[in-house]
Every structure is written in C-alpha cells, then in structure tokens.
N, C-alpha and C. Protein backbone atom coordinates (compact mmCIF):
# COMPACT_ATOMS: atom_id res chain seq x y z
N MET A 1 15.23 -126.52 81.63
CA MET A 1 15.86 -125.09 81.87
C MET A 1 14.83 -123.98 81.59
N GLY A 2 14.51 -123.38 82.58
CA GLY A 2 13.58 -122.36 82.31
C GLY A 2 14.14 -121.05 81.71
N ALA A 3 13.50 -119.98 81.93
CA ALA A 3 13.99 -118.74 81.30
C ALA A 3 15.31 -118.33 81.91
N TYR A 4 15.98 -117.50 81.13
CA TYR A 4 17.32 -117.14 81.66
C TYR A 4 17.13 -116.10 82.84
N GLN A 5 18.03 -116.13 83.72
CA GLN A 5 17.88 -115.20 84.93
C GLN A 5 18.85 -113.97 84.64
N THR A 6 20.17 -114.38 84.11
CA THR A 6 21.13 -113.17 84.06
C THR A 6 21.53 -113.35 82.71
N VAL A 7 21.45 -112.60 81.80
CA VAL A 7 22.01 -112.23 80.51
C VAL A 7 23.07 -111.47 80.42
N ALA A 8 24.41 -111.78 80.03
CA ALA A 8 25.60 -110.90 79.90
C ALA A 8 26.01 -110.56 78.58
N VAL A 9 26.48 -109.46 78.47
CA VAL A 9 26.74 -108.94 77.05
C VAL A 9 27.98 -107.91 77.36
N GLY A 10 29.01 -108.10 76.23
CA GLY A 10 30.21 -107.13 76.35
C GLY A 10 30.07 -106.19 75.43
N THR A 11 30.59 -104.95 75.71
CA THR A 11 30.36 -103.88 74.59
C THR A 11 31.80 -102.95 74.54
N ASP A 12 32.08 -102.49 73.40
CA ASP A 12 33.27 -101.61 73.31
C ASP A 12 32.72 -100.17 72.92
N GLY A 13 31.52 -99.90 72.67
CA GLY A 13 31.08 -98.78 72.17
C GLY A 13 30.92 -98.79 70.71
N SER A 14 31.19 -99.77 69.96
CA SER A 14 31.32 -99.76 68.52
C SER A 14 29.80 -100.24 68.04
N GLU A 15 29.31 -99.77 66.92
CA GLU A 15 28.04 -99.97 66.54
C GLU A 15 27.70 -101.26 66.62
N SER A 16 28.52 -102.39 66.17
CA SER A 16 28.33 -103.77 66.12
C SER A 16 28.23 -104.22 67.42
N SER A 17 28.87 -103.81 68.45
CA SER A 17 28.86 -104.38 69.89
C SER A 17 27.36 -103.84 70.51
N PHE A 18 26.94 -102.64 69.80
CA PHE A 18 25.70 -102.10 70.48
C PHE A 18 24.56 -103.05 69.97
N ARG A 19 24.69 -103.48 68.68
CA ARG A 19 23.76 -104.50 68.25
C ARG A 19 23.73 -105.74 69.02
N ALA A 20 24.78 -106.28 69.50
CA ALA A 20 24.68 -107.39 70.47
C ALA A 20 24.14 -106.99 71.81
N VAL A 21 24.27 -105.72 72.16
CA VAL A 21 23.63 -105.20 73.48
C VAL A 21 21.99 -105.23 73.26
N ASP A 22 21.75 -104.68 72.03
CA ASP A 22 20.42 -104.67 71.70
C ASP A 22 19.59 -106.07 71.81
N ARG A 23 20.31 -107.16 71.18
CA ARG A 23 19.63 -108.42 71.25
C ARG A 23 19.41 -108.88 72.54
N ALA A 24 20.86 -108.64 73.40
CA ALA A 24 20.77 -109.16 74.78
C ALA A 24 19.65 -108.36 75.70
N ALA A 25 19.37 -107.29 75.22
CA ALA A 25 18.45 -106.44 76.12
C ALA A 25 17.14 -107.04 75.72
N THR A 26 16.74 -107.37 74.31
CA THR A 26 15.65 -108.10 74.18
C THR A 26 15.20 -109.38 74.91
N ILE A 27 16.22 -110.05 74.62
CA ILE A 27 16.14 -111.38 75.42
C ILE A 27 16.02 -111.31 76.92
N ALA A 28 16.83 -110.32 77.57
CA ALA A 28 16.62 -110.22 79.14
C ALA A 28 15.00 -109.56 79.17
N ALA A 29 14.63 -108.61 78.52
CA ALA A 29 13.38 -108.04 78.65
C ALA A 29 12.16 -109.15 78.56
N ASP A 30 12.53 -110.14 77.69
CA ASP A 30 11.52 -111.37 77.26
C ASP A 30 11.53 -112.27 78.47
N SER A 31 12.62 -112.34 79.07
CA SER A 31 12.79 -113.47 80.11
C SER A 31 12.57 -112.69 81.38
N LYS A 32 12.56 -111.55 81.51
CA LYS A 32 12.61 -110.56 82.80
C LYS A 32 13.63 -110.93 83.70
N ALA A 33 14.85 -110.94 82.92
CA ALA A 33 16.17 -111.42 83.65
C ALA A 33 16.82 -110.07 83.72
N LEU A 34 17.85 -110.34 84.62
CA LEU A 34 18.86 -109.08 84.78
C LEU A 34 19.76 -109.02 83.46
N LEU A 35 20.09 -107.83 82.93
CA LEU A 35 21.07 -107.63 82.09
C LEU A 35 22.22 -107.30 82.55
N LEU A 36 23.41 -107.87 82.19
CA LEU A 36 24.62 -107.48 82.71
C LEU A 36 25.51 -107.05 81.56
N ILE A 37 25.92 -105.67 81.39
CA ILE A 37 26.42 -105.22 80.38
C ILE A 37 28.06 -104.94 80.76
N ILE A 38 28.96 -105.36 80.09
CA ILE A 38 30.27 -105.35 80.59
C ILE A 38 31.18 -104.57 79.69
N CYS A 39 32.05 -103.59 80.15
CA CYS A 39 33.03 -103.05 79.07
C CYS A 39 34.48 -103.06 79.84
N ALA A 40 35.18 -103.69 79.17
CA ALA A 40 36.48 -103.78 79.57
C ALA A 40 37.55 -102.70 78.97
N TYR A 41 38.51 -102.11 79.85
CA TYR A 41 38.94 -100.96 79.33
C TYR A 41 40.50 -101.16 79.69
N LYS A 42 41.43 -100.43 79.01
CA LYS A 42 42.88 -100.37 79.50
C LYS A 42 42.95 -99.01 80.09
N PRO A 43 44.01 -99.00 81.01
CA PRO A 43 44.28 -97.83 81.79
C PRO A 43 44.82 -96.69 80.81
N ALA A 44 44.43 -95.60 80.93
CA ALA A 44 44.82 -94.46 80.03
C ALA A 44 46.22 -94.07 80.47
N LYS A 45 47.16 -93.99 79.35
CA LYS A 45 48.40 -93.60 79.83
C LYS A 45 48.66 -92.28 79.12
N SER A 46 49.50 -92.12 78.06
CA SER A 46 49.67 -90.62 77.53
C SER A 46 48.85 -91.04 76.16
N THR A 47 48.39 -89.89 75.68
CA THR A 47 47.33 -89.80 74.41
C THR A 47 48.15 -90.47 73.37
N GLY A 48 49.59 -90.20 72.99
CA GLY A 48 50.16 -90.93 71.95
C GLY A 48 50.16 -92.27 72.04
N GLU A 49 50.36 -92.91 73.34
CA GLU A 49 50.21 -94.32 73.46
C GLU A 49 48.90 -94.86 73.20
N ALA A 50 47.93 -94.06 73.61
CA ALA A 50 46.46 -94.69 73.54
C ALA A 50 46.27 -94.72 72.01
N GLU A 51 46.57 -93.70 71.46
CA GLU A 51 46.37 -93.70 69.84
C GLU A 51 47.08 -94.78 69.18
N GLN A 52 48.35 -94.91 69.51
CA GLN A 52 49.09 -95.95 69.09
C GLN A 52 48.41 -97.55 69.16
N ALA A 53 47.97 -97.61 70.53
CA ALA A 53 47.39 -98.86 70.96
C ALA A 53 46.11 -99.14 70.00
N LEU A 54 45.34 -97.85 69.81
CA LEU A 54 44.19 -98.04 69.13
C LEU A 54 44.53 -98.36 67.65
N GLY A 55 45.67 -97.75 67.13
CA GLY A 55 45.81 -98.18 65.79
C GLY A 55 46.21 -99.65 65.47
N GLU A 56 46.83 -100.18 66.35
CA GLU A 56 47.19 -101.66 66.29
C GLU A 56 45.80 -102.38 66.24
N ASP A 57 44.93 -102.26 66.99
CA ASP A 57 43.72 -103.25 67.00
C ASP A 57 42.69 -102.51 67.86
N ALA A 58 41.98 -101.51 67.13
CA ALA A 58 40.97 -100.91 67.59
C ALA A 58 39.83 -101.71 68.43
N ALA A 59 39.63 -102.88 67.91
CA ALA A 59 38.64 -103.83 68.34
C ALA A 59 38.66 -104.14 70.04
N PHE A 60 37.57 -103.82 70.62
CA PHE A 60 37.59 -103.83 72.07
C PHE A 60 38.64 -103.46 72.79
N HIS A 61 39.22 -102.15 72.53
CA HIS A 61 40.26 -101.61 73.46
C HIS A 61 39.40 -100.14 73.64
N VAL A 62 38.90 -100.10 74.88
CA VAL A 62 38.28 -98.81 75.27
C VAL A 62 39.69 -98.25 76.15
N ILE A 63 39.94 -97.11 75.93
CA ILE A 63 41.28 -96.56 76.84
C ILE A 63 40.49 -95.85 77.90
N GLY A 64 40.73 -96.05 79.17
CA GLY A 64 40.53 -95.24 80.42
C GLY A 64 39.11 -95.66 80.77
N SER A 65 38.82 -95.26 82.02
CA SER A 65 37.80 -95.67 82.86
C SER A 65 36.38 -94.63 82.39
N THR A 66 36.72 -93.32 82.14
CA THR A 66 35.72 -92.43 81.64
C THR A 66 35.01 -92.89 80.41
N PRO A 67 35.82 -93.05 79.38
CA PRO A 67 35.20 -93.61 78.13
C PRO A 67 34.37 -94.99 78.54
N ALA A 68 34.78 -95.77 79.28
CA ALA A 68 34.03 -97.04 79.53
C ALA A 68 32.86 -96.74 80.08
N GLU A 69 32.73 -95.84 81.23
CA GLU A 69 31.55 -95.25 81.80
C GLU A 69 30.62 -94.69 80.74
N GLU A 70 31.16 -93.91 79.87
CA GLU A 70 30.20 -93.26 78.91
C GLU A 70 29.56 -94.47 77.89
N THR A 71 30.32 -95.38 77.63
CA THR A 71 30.00 -96.52 76.60
C THR A 71 28.75 -97.21 77.41
N LEU A 72 28.97 -97.50 78.58
CA LEU A 72 27.97 -98.32 79.47
C LEU A 72 26.78 -97.52 79.59
N ARG A 73 26.87 -96.06 79.73
CA ARG A 73 25.75 -95.28 79.81
C ARG A 73 24.82 -95.49 78.65
N ASP A 74 25.55 -95.24 77.57
CA ASP A 74 24.83 -95.54 76.12
C ASP A 74 24.11 -96.84 75.98
N ALA A 75 24.83 -97.79 76.33
CA ALA A 75 24.57 -99.16 76.30
C ALA A 75 23.21 -99.28 77.24
N ARG A 76 23.46 -98.68 78.40
CA ARG A 76 22.11 -98.92 79.17
C ARG A 76 21.00 -98.12 78.77
N GLU A 77 21.13 -97.14 78.08
CA GLU A 77 20.07 -96.21 77.44
C GLU A 77 19.22 -97.22 76.12
N ARG A 78 20.07 -97.93 75.58
CA ARG A 78 19.86 -98.59 74.57
C ARG A 78 19.05 -99.79 75.12
N ALA A 79 19.53 -100.50 76.09
CA ALA A 79 18.84 -101.51 76.52
C ALA A 79 17.60 -101.29 77.20
N ALA A 80 17.35 -100.18 77.78
CA ALA A 80 16.26 -99.75 78.55
C ALA A 80 15.16 -99.49 77.45
N ALA A 81 15.52 -99.01 76.28
CA ALA A 81 14.75 -98.70 75.04
C ALA A 81 13.99 -100.02 74.41
N LYS A 82 14.84 -101.15 74.75
CA LYS A 82 14.34 -102.45 74.12
C LYS A 82 13.55 -103.26 75.28
N GLY A 83 13.36 -102.68 76.37
CA GLY A 83 12.34 -103.03 77.40
C GLY A 83 13.13 -103.85 78.64
N SER A 84 14.28 -103.50 78.57
CA SER A 84 15.09 -104.28 79.77
C SER A 84 14.76 -103.45 80.93
N VAL A 85 14.51 -104.08 82.08
CA VAL A 85 14.14 -103.24 83.27
C VAL A 85 15.43 -103.25 84.21
N GLU A 86 15.76 -104.26 84.58
CA GLU A 86 16.93 -104.59 85.60
C GLU A 86 18.33 -104.62 84.75
N ILE A 87 19.06 -103.67 85.07
CA ILE A 87 20.29 -103.62 84.20
C ILE A 87 21.50 -103.34 85.05
N ASP A 88 22.52 -104.03 85.08
CA ASP A 88 23.77 -103.82 85.94
C ASP A 88 24.88 -103.50 84.80
N THR A 89 25.53 -102.51 85.07
CA THR A 89 26.67 -102.13 84.26
C THR A 89 27.95 -102.39 85.13
N VAL A 90 29.06 -102.88 84.34
CA VAL A 90 30.34 -103.21 84.91
C VAL A 90 31.51 -102.76 83.89
N ALA A 91 32.24 -101.94 84.50
CA ALA A 91 33.51 -101.24 83.81
C ALA A 91 34.65 -102.23 84.67
N VAL A 92 35.42 -102.86 83.72
CA VAL A 92 36.61 -103.60 84.46
C VAL A 92 37.82 -103.32 83.58
N GLN A 93 38.78 -103.26 84.45
CA GLN A 93 39.98 -102.97 83.53
C GLN A 93 40.83 -104.09 83.28
N GLY A 94 41.33 -104.19 82.07
CA GLY A 94 42.14 -105.53 81.65
C GLY A 94 41.59 -105.94 80.52
N ASP A 95 42.07 -107.33 80.16
CA ASP A 95 41.87 -107.94 78.85
C ASP A 95 40.47 -108.21 78.75
N PRO A 96 39.85 -107.87 77.61
CA PRO A 96 38.26 -108.10 77.55
C PRO A 96 38.21 -109.33 77.76
N ILE A 97 38.71 -110.46 77.18
CA ILE A 97 38.40 -111.90 77.22
C ILE A 97 38.27 -112.30 78.90
N GLU A 98 39.43 -112.22 79.55
CA GLU A 98 39.71 -112.54 80.89
C GLU A 98 38.52 -111.85 81.66
N ARG A 99 38.42 -110.64 81.65
CA ARG A 99 37.55 -109.85 82.41
C ARG A 99 35.92 -110.22 82.08
N VAL A 100 35.67 -110.55 80.86
CA VAL A 100 34.30 -110.76 80.69
C VAL A 100 33.96 -112.17 81.00
N VAL A 101 34.91 -113.35 80.82
CA VAL A 101 34.85 -114.67 81.48
C VAL A 101 34.62 -114.52 83.11
N GLU A 102 35.54 -113.61 83.62
CA GLU A 102 35.65 -113.58 85.04
C GLU A 102 34.19 -112.91 85.61
N VAL A 103 33.64 -111.79 84.97
CA VAL A 103 32.52 -111.16 85.32
C VAL A 103 31.38 -112.38 85.23
N VAL A 104 31.38 -113.00 83.97
CA VAL A 104 30.10 -113.81 83.75
C VAL A 104 30.18 -114.89 84.71
N THR A 105 31.34 -115.35 85.15
CA THR A 105 31.51 -116.70 85.99
C THR A 105 31.26 -116.25 87.48
N ASP A 106 31.63 -115.15 87.99
CA ASP A 106 31.29 -114.46 89.18
C ASP A 106 29.86 -114.17 89.28
N ARG A 107 29.29 -113.77 88.26
CA ARG A 107 27.65 -113.34 88.37
C ARG A 107 26.83 -114.53 88.15
N LYS A 108 27.47 -115.54 87.69
CA LYS A 108 26.63 -116.68 87.32
C LYS A 108 25.75 -116.61 86.04
N ALA A 109 26.06 -115.74 85.15
CA ALA A 109 25.18 -115.32 84.04
C ALA A 109 24.71 -116.92 83.24
N ASP A 110 23.82 -116.97 82.96
CA ASP A 110 23.25 -118.19 82.15
C ASP A 110 23.18 -118.09 80.71
N LEU A 111 23.33 -116.76 80.25
CA LEU A 111 23.55 -116.67 78.87
C LEU A 111 24.63 -115.62 78.53
N VAL A 112 25.37 -115.71 77.70
CA VAL A 112 26.39 -114.93 77.14
C VAL A 112 26.27 -114.41 75.84
N VAL A 113 26.00 -113.29 75.48
CA VAL A 113 25.59 -112.82 74.03
C VAL A 113 27.06 -111.98 73.53
N VAL A 114 27.38 -112.51 72.29
CA VAL A 114 28.61 -111.91 71.73
C VAL A 114 28.20 -111.58 70.20
N GLY A 115 28.84 -110.64 69.80
CA GLY A 115 28.63 -110.33 68.33
C GLY A 115 29.70 -111.01 67.60
N ASN A 116 29.36 -111.13 66.27
CA ASN A 116 30.33 -111.94 65.46
C ASN A 116 31.35 -111.38 64.71
N ARG A 117 31.23 -110.02 64.84
CA ARG A 117 32.32 -109.00 64.29
C ARG A 117 33.46 -109.35 64.54
N GLY A 118 34.34 -109.83 63.59
CA GLY A 118 35.83 -110.40 63.76
C GLY A 118 35.79 -111.33 64.61
N LEU A 119 35.31 -112.54 64.15
CA LEU A 119 35.09 -113.79 65.03
C LEU A 119 36.76 -114.10 65.46
N ASN A 120 37.64 -113.61 64.82
CA ASN A 120 39.11 -113.90 65.41
C ASN A 120 39.34 -112.86 66.52
N SER A 121 38.40 -111.89 66.79
CA SER A 121 38.79 -111.07 67.79
C SER A 121 37.99 -111.44 69.06
N LEU A 122 37.04 -110.76 69.47
CA LEU A 122 36.44 -111.09 70.82
C LEU A 122 35.54 -112.35 70.79
N ALA A 123 34.49 -112.51 69.79
CA ALA A 123 33.81 -113.70 69.82
C ALA A 123 34.59 -114.99 69.79
N GLY A 124 35.52 -114.94 68.88
CA GLY A 124 36.48 -116.13 68.59
C GLY A 124 37.21 -116.61 70.02
N ARG A 125 37.91 -115.60 70.46
CA ARG A 125 38.73 -115.70 71.57
C ARG A 125 37.80 -116.05 72.77
N LEU A 126 36.49 -115.41 72.81
CA LEU A 126 35.77 -115.63 73.87
C LEU A 126 35.23 -117.03 73.85
N LEU A 127 34.73 -117.57 72.71
CA LEU A 127 34.24 -118.86 72.57
C LEU A 127 35.24 -119.96 72.88
N GLY A 128 36.61 -119.45 72.61
CA GLY A 128 37.53 -120.35 72.82
C GLY A 128 37.60 -120.65 74.33
N SER A 129 37.45 -119.55 75.15
CA SER A 129 37.51 -119.59 76.60
C SER A 129 36.27 -119.81 77.18
N VAL A 130 35.33 -119.49 76.66
CA VAL A 130 33.91 -119.88 77.23
C VAL A 130 33.78 -121.34 77.60
N PRO A 131 34.13 -122.02 76.55
CA PRO A 131 33.60 -123.53 76.87
C PRO A 131 34.45 -124.02 77.96
N GLN A 132 35.76 -123.59 77.93
CA GLN A 132 36.58 -124.09 79.06
C GLN A 132 36.26 -123.40 80.29
N GLY A 133 36.05 -122.00 80.17
CA GLY A 133 35.86 -121.16 81.48
C GLY A 133 34.70 -121.29 82.01
N ILE A 134 33.59 -120.89 81.31
CA ILE A 134 32.32 -120.62 81.91
C ILE A 134 31.48 -121.80 81.78
N SER A 135 31.36 -122.59 80.62
CA SER A 135 30.42 -123.34 80.65
C SER A 135 30.63 -124.48 81.62
N ARG A 136 31.77 -124.90 82.01
CA ARG A 136 32.23 -125.87 83.10
C ARG A 136 31.71 -125.39 84.38
N ARG A 137 31.96 -124.00 84.65
CA ARG A 137 31.80 -123.77 85.91
C ARG A 137 30.16 -123.01 86.05
N ALA A 138 29.74 -122.35 85.08
CA ALA A 138 28.51 -121.63 85.23
C ALA A 138 27.39 -122.33 84.50
N GLY A 139 27.83 -123.15 83.63
CA GLY A 139 26.86 -123.79 82.67
C GLY A 139 26.22 -122.87 81.76
N SER A 140 26.77 -121.72 81.38
CA SER A 140 26.01 -120.82 80.58
C SER A 140 25.98 -121.02 79.06
N ASP A 141 24.82 -120.58 78.51
CA ASP A 141 24.75 -120.69 76.93
C ASP A 141 25.47 -119.67 76.35
N VAL A 142 25.71 -119.89 75.12
CA VAL A 142 26.43 -118.74 74.40
C VAL A 142 25.44 -118.45 73.05
N LEU A 143 25.15 -116.94 72.90
CA LEU A 143 24.50 -116.66 71.57
C LEU A 143 25.36 -115.75 70.81
N ILE A 144 25.75 -116.14 69.58
CA ILE A 144 26.36 -115.33 68.64
C ILE A 144 25.48 -114.60 67.83
N VAL A 145 25.46 -113.07 68.07
CA VAL A 145 24.62 -112.47 67.13
C VAL A 145 25.43 -112.00 65.82
N HIS A 146 24.54 -111.91 64.82
CA HIS A 146 25.26 -111.53 63.45
C HIS A 146 25.05 -109.92 63.49
N THR A 147 26.06 -109.25 63.72
CA THR A 147 26.05 -107.94 64.11
C THR A 147 26.79 -106.99 62.77
N THR A 148 27.48 -107.82 61.70
CA THR A 148 27.97 -106.97 60.59
C THR A 148 27.17 -106.83 59.48
C-alpha cells in the first residue's frame, strides 16, 4: 500500500475535533493526499428545541447548515495552515456516524481520522460501524487521535 490518496476527518467545531483535523491535515500534506473534512448537522428548528437537543448530548450535534459551513471554513483554514493543499469540505444533514460512513465510502477515502474524545460517542460508534461499513467496502485504515 502506497501513500494515502484521500484522508477523511469529521468535525463538529469542538477543540478536540479540530485537533483530529490538524492531524489529518498533516498526514494529507505529507502524503500529498486530498483532505476530506466532513461536518454532519441537524436541521435547525426552533431555538428552544436546538438548545434542548444540545443540552442532551452536545457532542457532534451541529444545528443548522450555516454553523456547519462556518465550522468547515475554520477547519479548512486550520488544515491549510498544516500544509494541506487539496481540501474538500462536505456538510451533510443527518446522523454523524451514518453520514460520515456514507461520505467516506462514496469518496473511497483510504484513511479515516477520528478523535478519541468520548470514545462512546463518535469514535466508538464510528469504529463500530467502520469495520462493518467502510473497511469491507473501501478497505480504509482508521487512525484514532488522542485529542483530550
């Protein structure tokens, strides 16, 4: 297996997810790979409902497409600062795990970078579905970055 061609990373705008973006960006820069930054969001309904949803589980819940785009813009700037040249950003509506797995599979990413923050949340659930979903279909590696 040669250098990675497409390195994927998910972000929710949190500091720890940005640390995963930094690591993914460094690897992509070293491999001259495409960096694919994914942000999943829930549709914005009423503010009260959004706050309530955030209260339950703030991890990986970006509400609305505008905050998702802003998160991706910040992530892109960080990635460019790490030397990544080719950067694609994707904002997708829906469950972070399902959407990330979908995008990674569609785009045939050969490395998926996830932060270890709350392994019971994204990384844990993603790793549960990555071996079943991605690695069989896309044969991708998974890197867990210690972001806490």
